[in-house]
Amino acid sequence: MCAIPVGETRRYGDAASALNSAARAVGGACRRNPVPLVVPCHRIVAANGLGGFDGQRDGAELDFKQWLLNHEKQ
């Protein structure tokens, strides 16, 4: 996650392939990330949208993920 440049994203599946792992394992690691602003798990997204953030698939957490991504692109 730290290797993903600021303002860019990677899909769960792409990150998993690079690690020779599974997309669900990447999602689990993102969900258990204790320091999301230091280890930027918000840069990992689903193939068809944002995916989840902090174990949530909608609501304030996902709004925050979108805000972080938008902020990095500025």
PDB file of N, CA and C in Angstrom:
ATOM      1  N   MET A   1       0.811  -1.182   0.000  1.00  0.00           N
ATOM      2  CA  MET A   1       0.000   0.000   0.000  1.00  0.00           C
ATOM      3  C   MET A   1       0.863   1.256   0.000  1.00  0.00           C
ATOM      4  N   CYS A   2       1.957   1.188   0.728  1.00  0.00           N
ATOM      5  CA  CYS A   2       2.843   2.348   0.790  1.00  0.00           C
ATOM      6  C   CYS A   2       3.561   2.598  -0.535  1.00  0.00           C
ATOM      7  N   ALA A   3       3.653   1.578  -1.371  1.00  0.00           N
ATOM      8  CA  ALA A   3       4.328   1.728  -2.664  1.00  0.00           C
ATOM      9  C   ALA A   3       3.441   2.368  -3.721  1.00  0.00           C
ATOM     10  N   ILE A   4       2.146   2.491  -3.447  1.00  0.00           N
ATOM     11  CA  ILE A   4       1.234   3.120  -4.400  1.00  0.00           C
ATOM     12  C   ILE A   4       1.441   4.624  -4.307  1.00  0.00           C
ATOM     13  N   PRO A   5       1.777   5.273  -5.427  1.00  0.00           N
ATOM     14  CA  PRO A   5       2.027   6.721  -5.389  1.00  0.00           C
ATOM     15  C   PRO A   5       0.787   7.511  -4.956  1.00  0.00           C
ATOM     16  N   VAL A   6       1.037   8.636  -4.319  1.00  0.00           N
ATOM     17  CA  VAL A   6      -0.039   9.531  -3.904  1.00  0.00           C
ATOM     18  C   VAL A   6      -0.883   9.893  -5.121  1.00  0.00           C
ATOM     19  N   GLY A   7      -2.196   9.829  -4.954  1.00  0.00           N
ATOM     20  CA  GLY A   7      -3.108  10.175  -6.035  1.00  0.00           C
ATOM     21  C   GLY A   7      -3.446   9.024  -6.960  1.00  0.00           C
ATOM     22  N   GLU A   8      -2.842   7.862  -6.742  1.00  0.00           N
ATOM     23  CA  GLU A   8      -3.127   6.696  -7.568  1.00  0.00           C
ATOM     24  C   GLU A   8      -3.811   5.624  -6.731  1.00  0.00           C
ATOM     25  N   THR A   9      -4.446   4.689  -7.410  1.00  0.00           N
ATOM     26  CA  THR A   9      -5.099   3.568  -6.745  1.00  0.00           C
ATOM     27  C   THR A   9      -4.691   2.268  -7.401  1.00  0.00           C
ATOM     28  N   ARG A  10      -4.926   1.186  -6.707  1.00  0.00           N
ATOM     29  CA  ARG A  10      -4.761  -0.167  -7.240  1.00  0.00           C
ATOM     30  C   ARG A  10      -5.987  -0.956  -6.825  1.00  0.00           C
ATOM     31  N   ARG A  11      -6.387  -1.884  -7.668  1.00  0.00           N
ATOM     32  CA  ARG A  11      -7.516  -2.751  -7.318  1.00  0.00           C
ATOM     33  C   ARG A  11      -7.044  -3.858  -6.387  1.00  0.00           C
ATOM     34  N   TYR A  12      -7.976  -4.339  -5.576  1.00  0.00           N
ATOM     35  CA  TYR A  12      -7.659  -5.436  -4.660  1.00  0.00           C
ATOM     36  C   TYR A  12      -7.010  -6.583  -5.417  1.00  0.00           C
ATOM     37  N   GLY A  13      -7.580  -6.947  -6.562  1.00  0.00           N
ATOM     38  CA  GLY A  13      -7.054  -8.065  -7.350  1.00  0.00           C
ATOM     39  C   GLY A  13      -5.658  -7.813  -7.870  1.00  0.00           C
ATOM     40  N   ASP A  14      -5.390  -6.582  -8.298  1.00  0.00           N
ATOM     41  CA  ASP A  14      -4.057  -6.245  -8.794  1.00  0.00           C
ATOM     42  C   ASP A  14      -3.022  -6.301  -7.672  1.00  0.00           C
ATOM     43  N   ALA A  15      -3.395  -5.778  -6.513  1.00  0.00           N
ATOM     44  CA  ALA A  15      -2.485  -5.836  -5.363  1.00  0.00           C
ATOM     45  C   ALA A  15      -2.238  -7.287  -4.974  1.00  0.00           C
ATOM     46  N   ALA A  16      -3.282  -8.087  -5.009  1.00  0.00           N
ATOM     47  CA  ALA A  16      -3.155  -9.506  -4.663  1.00  0.00           C
ATOM     48  C   ALA A  16      -2.227 -10.223  -5.640  1.00  0.00           C
ATOM     49  N   SER A  17      -2.384  -9.952  -6.922  1.00  0.00           N
ATOM     50  CA  SER A  17      -1.517 -10.593  -7.925  1.00  0.00           C
ATOM     51  C   SER A  17      -0.055 -10.228  -7.708  1.00  0.00           C
ATOM     52  N   ALA A  18       0.197  -8.965  -7.383  1.00  0.00           N
ATOM     53  CA  ALA A  18       1.574  -8.523  -7.151  1.00  0.00           C
ATOM     54  C   ALA A  18       2.181  -9.209  -5.933  1.00  0.00           C
ATOM     55  N   LEU A  19       1.331  -9.608  -4.996  1.00  0.00           N
ATOM     56  CA  LEU A  19       1.803 -10.257  -3.774  1.00  0.00           C
ATOM     57  C   LEU A  19       1.666 -11.775  -3.822  1.00  0.00           C
ATOM     58  N   ASN A  20       1.197 -12.286  -4.975  1.00  0.00           N
ATOM     59  CA  ASN A  20       0.927 -13.719  -5.108  1.00  0.00           C
ATOM     60  C   ASN A  20      -0.021 -14.186  -4.003  1.00  0.00           C
ATOM     61  N   SER A  21      -1.114 -13.429  -3.858  1.00  0.00           N
ATOM     62  CA  SER A  21      -2.082 -13.682  -2.796  1.00  0.00           C
ATOM     63  C   SER A  21      -3.490 -13.616  -3.386  1.00  0.00           C
ATOM     64  N   ALA A  22      -4.480 -13.442  -2.540  1.00  0.00           N
ATOM     65  CA  ALA A  22      -5.873 -13.351  -2.963  1.00  0.00           C
ATOM     66  C   ALA A  22      -6.437 -11.977  -2.625  1.00  0.00           C
ATOM     67  N   ALA A  23      -7.394 -11.527  -3.423  1.00  0.00           N
ATOM     68  CA  ALA A  23      -8.003 -10.218  -3.212  1.00  0.00           C
ATOM     69  C   ALA A  23      -8.634 -10.113  -1.822  1.00  0.00           C
ATOM     70  N   ARG A  24      -9.257 -11.184  -1.354  1.00  0.00           N
ATOM     71  CA  ARG A  24      -9.868 -11.155  -0.014  1.00  0.00           C
ATOM     72  C   ARG A  24      -8.816 -10.978   1.080  1.00  0.00           C
ATOM     73  N   ALA A  25      -7.633 -11.538   0.870  1.00  0.00           N
ATOM     74  CA  ALA A  25      -6.553 -11.364   1.838  1.00  0.00           C
ATOM     75  C   ALA A  25      -6.095  -9.906   1.879  1.00  0.00           C
ATOM     76  N   VAL A  26      -6.017  -9.277   0.721  1.00  0.00           N
ATOM     77  CA  VAL A  26      -5.655  -7.858   0.667  1.00  0.00           C
ATOM     78  C   VAL A  26      -6.728  -7.032   1.370  1.00  0.00           C
ATOM     79  N   GLY A  27      -7.992  -7.343   1.103  1.00  0.00           N
ATOM     80  CA  GLY A  27      -9.083  -6.642   1.772  1.00  0.00           C
ATOM     81  C   GLY A  27      -9.021  -6.809   3.286  1.00  0.00           C
ATOM     82  N   GLY A  28      -8.715  -8.004   3.732  1.00  0.00           N
ATOM     83  CA  GLY A  28      -8.587  -8.254   5.164  1.00  0.00           C
ATOM     84  C   GLY A  28      -7.454  -7.459   5.786  1.00  0.00           C
ATOM     85  N   ALA A  29      -6.342  -7.375   5.072  1.00  0.00           N
ATOM     86  CA  ALA A  29      -5.211  -6.586   5.573  1.00  0.00           C
ATOM     87  C   ALA A  29      -5.577  -5.108   5.644  1.00  0.00           C
ATOM     88  N   CYS A  30      -6.283  -4.628   4.646  1.00  0.00           N
ATOM     89  CA  CYS A  30      -6.725  -3.226   4.662  1.00  0.00           C
ATOM     90  C   CYS A  30      -7.669  -2.974   5.836  1.00  0.00           C
ATOM     91  N   ARG A  31      -8.567  -3.906   6.052  1.00  0.00           N
ATOM     92  CA  ARG A  31      -9.557  -3.744   7.127  1.00  0.00           C
ATOM     93  C   ARG A  31      -8.887  -3.702   8.502  1.00  0.00           C
ATOM     94  N   ARG A  32      -7.825  -4.475   8.687  1.00  0.00           N
ATOM     95  CA  ARG A  32      -7.152  -4.539   9.978  1.00  0.00           C
ATOM     96  C   ARG A  32      -6.024  -3.514  10.130  1.00  0.00           C
ATOM     97  N   ASN A  33      -5.861  -2.648   9.160  1.00  0.00           N
ATOM     98  CA  ASN A  33      -4.808  -1.639   9.204  1.00  0.00           C
ATOM     99  C   ASN A  33      -5.051  -0.681  10.379  1.00  0.00           C
ATOM    100  N   PRO A  34      -4.171  -0.670  11.384  1.00  0.00           N
ATOM    101  CA  PRO A  34      -4.392   0.179  12.551  1.00  0.00           C
ATOM    102  C   PRO A  34      -4.035   1.652  12.331  1.00  0.00           C
ATOM    103  N   VAL A  35      -3.312   1.959  11.261  1.00  0.00           N
ATOM    104  CA  VAL A  35      -2.883   3.340  11.006  1.00  0.00           C
ATOM    105  C   VAL A  35      -3.148   3.726   9.545  1.00  0.00           C
ATOM    106  N   PRO A  36      -4.420   3.889   9.159  1.00  0.00           N
ATOM    107  CA  PRO A  36      -4.744   4.108   7.749  1.00  0.00           C
ATOM    108  C   PRO A  36      -4.189   5.389   7.139  1.00  0.00           C
ATOM    109  N   LEU A  37      -3.865   6.378   7.939  1.00  0.00           N
ATOM    110  CA  LEU A  37      -3.277   7.583   7.355  1.00  0.00           C
ATOM    111  C   LEU A  37      -1.779   7.433   7.128  1.00  0.00           C
ATOM    112  N   VAL A  38      -1.165   6.476   7.801  1.00  0.00           N
ATOM    113  CA  VAL A  38       0.262   6.203   7.614  1.00  0.00           C
ATOM    114  C   VAL A  38       0.449   5.126   6.547  1.00  0.00           C
ATOM    115  N   VAL A  39      -0.336   4.073   6.637  1.00  0.00           N
ATOM    116  CA  VAL A  39      -0.344   3.002   5.634  1.00  0.00           C
ATOM    117  C   VAL A  39      -1.632   3.201   4.831  1.00  0.00           C
ATOM    118  N   PRO A  40      -1.513   3.783   3.645  1.00  0.00           N
ATOM    119  CA  PRO A  40      -2.673   4.286   2.897  1.00  0.00           C
ATOM    120  C   PRO A  40      -3.545   3.209   2.244  1.00  0.00           C
ATOM    121  N   CYS A  41      -4.280   2.481   3.071  1.00  0.00           N
ATOM    122  CA  CYS A  41      -5.152   1.431   2.546  1.00  0.00           C
ATOM    123  C   CYS A  41      -6.299   1.999   1.711  1.00  0.00           C
ATOM    124  N   HIS A  42      -6.568   3.297   1.832  1.00  0.00           N
ATOM    125  CA  HIS A  42      -7.632   3.901   1.022  1.00  0.00           C
ATOM    126  C   HIS A  42      -7.282   3.895  -0.467  1.00  0.00           C
ATOM    127  N   ARG A  43      -6.033   3.656  -0.800  1.00  0.00           N
ATOM    128  CA  ARG A  43      -5.625   3.614  -2.207  1.00  0.00           C
ATOM    129  C   ARG A  43      -5.948   2.279  -2.874  1.00  0.00           C
ATOM    130  N   ILE A  44      -6.437   1.323  -2.120  1.00  0.00           N
ATOM    131  CA  ILE A  44      -6.861   0.027  -2.660  1.00  0.00           C
ATOM    132  C   ILE A  44      -8.369   0.107  -2.871  1.00  0.00           C
ATOM    133  N   VAL A  45      -8.804  -0.133  -4.106  1.00  0.00           N
ATOM    134  CA  VAL A  45     -10.222  -0.009  -4.453  1.00  0.00           C
ATOM    135  C   VAL A  45     -10.720  -1.288  -5.118  1.00  0.00           C
ATOM    136  N   ALA A  46     -12.031  -1.396  -5.205  1.00  0.00           N
ATOM    137  CA  ALA A  46     -12.652  -2.552  -5.856  1.00  0.00           C
ATOM    138  C   ALA A  46     -12.588  -2.397  -7.371  1.00  0.00           C
ATOM    139  N   ALA A  47     -12.808  -3.471  -8.065  1.00  0.00           N
ATOM    140  CA  ALA A  47     -12.799  -3.445  -9.527  1.00  0.00           C
ATOM    141  C   ALA A  47     -13.958  -2.616 -10.079  1.00  0.00           C
ATOM    142  N   ASN A  48     -15.024  -2.498  -9.307  1.00  0.00           N
ATOM    143  CA  ASN A  48     -16.213  -1.796  -9.809  1.00  0.00           C
ATOM    144  C   ASN A  48     -16.653  -0.661  -8.882  1.00  0.00           C
ATOM    145  N   GLY A  49     -15.718  -0.011  -8.231  1.00  0.00           N
ATOM    146  CA  GLY A  49     -16.063   1.103  -7.356  1.00  0.00           C
ATOM    147  C   GLY A  49     -15.027   1.260  -6.257  1.00  0.00           C
ATOM    148  N   LEU A  50     -15.439   1.919  -5.193  1.00  0.00           N
ATOM    149  CA  LEU A  50     -14.504   2.188  -4.101  1.00  0.00           C
ATOM    150  C   LEU A  50     -14.173   0.974  -3.260  1.00  0.00           C
ATOM    151  N   GLY A  51     -15.094   0.044  -3.154  1.00  0.00           N
ATOM    152  CA  GLY A  51     -14.899  -1.055  -2.224  1.00  0.00           C
ATOM    153  C   GLY A  51     -15.271  -0.601  -0.836  1.00  0.00           C
ATOM    154  N   GLY A  52     -14.610  -1.094   0.172  1.00  0.00           N
ATOM    155  CA  GLY A  52     -14.929  -0.722   1.537  1.00  0.00           C
ATOM    156  C   GLY A  52     -13.826   0.096   2.175  1.00  0.00           C
ATOM    157  N   PHE A  53     -14.082   0.504   3.411  1.00  0.00           N
ATOM    158  CA  PHE A  53     -13.082   1.224   4.180  1.00  0.00           C
ATOM    159  C   PHE A  53     -13.384   1.001   5.645  1.00  0.00           C
ATOM    160  N   ASP A  54     -12.402   0.559   6.396  1.00  0.00           N
ATOM    161  CA  ASP A  54     -12.567   0.297   7.821  1.00  0.00           C
ATOM    162  C   ASP A  54     -13.680  -0.717   8.077  1.00  0.00           C
ATOM    163  N   GLY A  55     -13.813  -1.664   7.172  1.00  0.00           N
ATOM    164  CA  GLY A  55     -14.812  -2.717   7.330  1.00  0.00           C
ATOM    165  C   GLY A  55     -16.216  -2.329   6.918  1.00  0.00           C
ATOM    166  N   GLN A  56     -16.399  -1.125   6.414  1.00  0.00           N
ATOM    167  CA  GLN A  56     -17.729  -0.649   6.024  1.00  0.00           C
ATOM    168  C   GLN A  56     -17.819  -0.513   4.508  1.00  0.00           C
ATOM    169  N   ARG A  57     -19.016  -0.719   3.978  1.00  0.00           N
ATOM    170  CA  ARG A  57     -19.223  -0.611   2.532  1.00  0.00           C
ATOM    171  C   ARG A  57     -20.022   0.623   2.148  1.00  0.00           C
ATOM    172  N   ASP A  58     -20.466   1.404   3.131  1.00  0.00           N
ATOM    173  CA  ASP A  58     -21.171   2.657   2.855  1.00  0.00           C
ATOM    174  C   ASP A  58     -21.100   3.532   4.100  1.00  0.00           C
ATOM    175  N   GLY A  59     -21.670   4.698   4.010  1.00  0.00           N
ATOM    176  CA  GLY A  59     -21.702   5.591   5.159  1.00  0.00           C
ATOM    177  C   GLY A  59     -20.480   6.482   5.276  1.00  0.00           C
ATOM    178  N   ALA A  60     -20.279   6.987   6.473  1.00  0.00           N
ATOM    179  CA  ALA A  60     -19.226   7.967   6.727  1.00  0.00           C
ATOM    180  C   ALA A  60     -17.834   7.443   6.393  1.00  0.00           C
ATOM    181  N   GLU A  61     -17.584   6.166   6.664  1.00  0.00           N
ATOM    182  CA  GLU A  61     -16.257   5.603   6.380  1.00  0.00           C
ATOM    183  C   GLU A  61     -15.946   5.663   4.881  1.00  0.00           C
ATOM    184  N   LEU A  62     -16.912   5.288   4.078  1.00  0.00           N
ATOM    185  CA  LEU A  62     -16.687   5.319   2.627  1.00  0.00           C
ATOM    186  C   LEU A  62     -16.594   6.753   2.116  1.00  0.00           C
ATOM    187  N   ASP A  63     -17.363   7.651   2.711  1.00  0.00           N
ATOM    188  CA  ASP A  63     -17.254   9.074   2.354  1.00  0.00           C
ATOM    189  C   ASP A  63     -15.849   9.585   2.656  1.00  0.00           C
ATOM    190  N   PHE A  64     -15.292   9.139   3.788  1.00  0.00           N
ATOM    191  CA  PHE A  64     -13.934   9.543   4.163  1.00  0.00           C
ATOM    192  C   PHE A  64     -12.907   8.990   3.179  1.00  0.00           C
ATOM    193  N   LYS A  65     -13.080   7.751   2.751  1.00  0.00           N
ATOM    194  CA  LYS A  65     -12.181   7.157   1.755  1.00  0.00           C
ATOM    195  C   LYS A  65     -12.212   7.978   0.477  1.00  0.00           C
ATOM    196  N   GLN A  66     -13.397   8.347   0.026  1.00  0.00           N
ATOM    197  CA  GLN A  66     -13.525   9.155  -1.188  1.00  0.00           C
ATOM    198  C   GLN A  66     -12.867  10.510  -0.994  1.00  0.00           C
ATOM    199  N   TRP A  67     -13.063  11.115   0.182  1.00  0.00           N
ATOM    200  CA  TRP A  67     -12.445  12.410   0.463  1.00  0.00           C
ATOM    201  C   TRP A  67     -10.919  12.297   0.404  1.00  0.00           C
ATOM    202  N   LEU A  68     -10.348  11.252   1.016  1.00  0.00           N
ATOM    203  CA  LEU A  68      -8.902  11.058   0.993  1.00  0.00           C
ATOM    204  C   LEU A  68      -8.386  10.929  -0.440  1.00  0.00           C
ATOM    205  N   LEU A  69      -9.073  10.141  -1.246  1.00  0.00           N
ATOM    206  CA  LEU A  69      -8.648   9.972  -2.644  1.00  0.00           C
ATOM    207  C   LEU A  69      -8.734  11.286  -3.406  1.00  0.00           C
ATOM    208  N   ASN A  70      -9.811  12.023  -3.222  1.00  0.00           N
ATOM    209  CA  ASN A  70      -9.961  13.321  -3.892  1.00  0.00           C
ATOM    210  C   ASN A  70      -8.881  14.305  -3.430  1.00  0.00           C
ATOM    211  N   HIS A  71      -8.624  14.317  -2.144  1.00  0.00           N
ATOM    212  CA  HIS A  71      -7.615  15.222  -1.580  1.00  0.00           C
ATOM    213  C   HIS A  71      -6.230  14.926  -2.156  1.00  0.00           C
ATOM    214  N   GLU A  72      -5.896  13.667  -2.322  1.00  0.00           N
ATOM    215  CA  GLU A  72      -4.581  13.291  -2.862  1.00  0.00           C
ATOM    216  C   GLU A  72      -4.425  13.692  -4.329  1.00  0.00           C
ATOM    217  N   LYS A  73      -5.524  13.789  -5.046  1.00  0.00           N
ATOM    218  CA  LYS A  73      -5.438  14.150  -6.474  1.00  0.00           C
ATOM    219  C   LYS A  73      -5.272  15.644  -6.689  1.00  0.00           C
ATOM    220  N   GLN A  74      -5.453  16.426  -5.638  1.00  0.00           N
ATOM    221  CA  GLN A  74      -5.324  17.893  -5.761  1.00  0.00           C
ATOM    222  C   GLN A  74      -3.892  18.330  -5.725  1.00  0.00           C
TER     223      GLN A  74
END
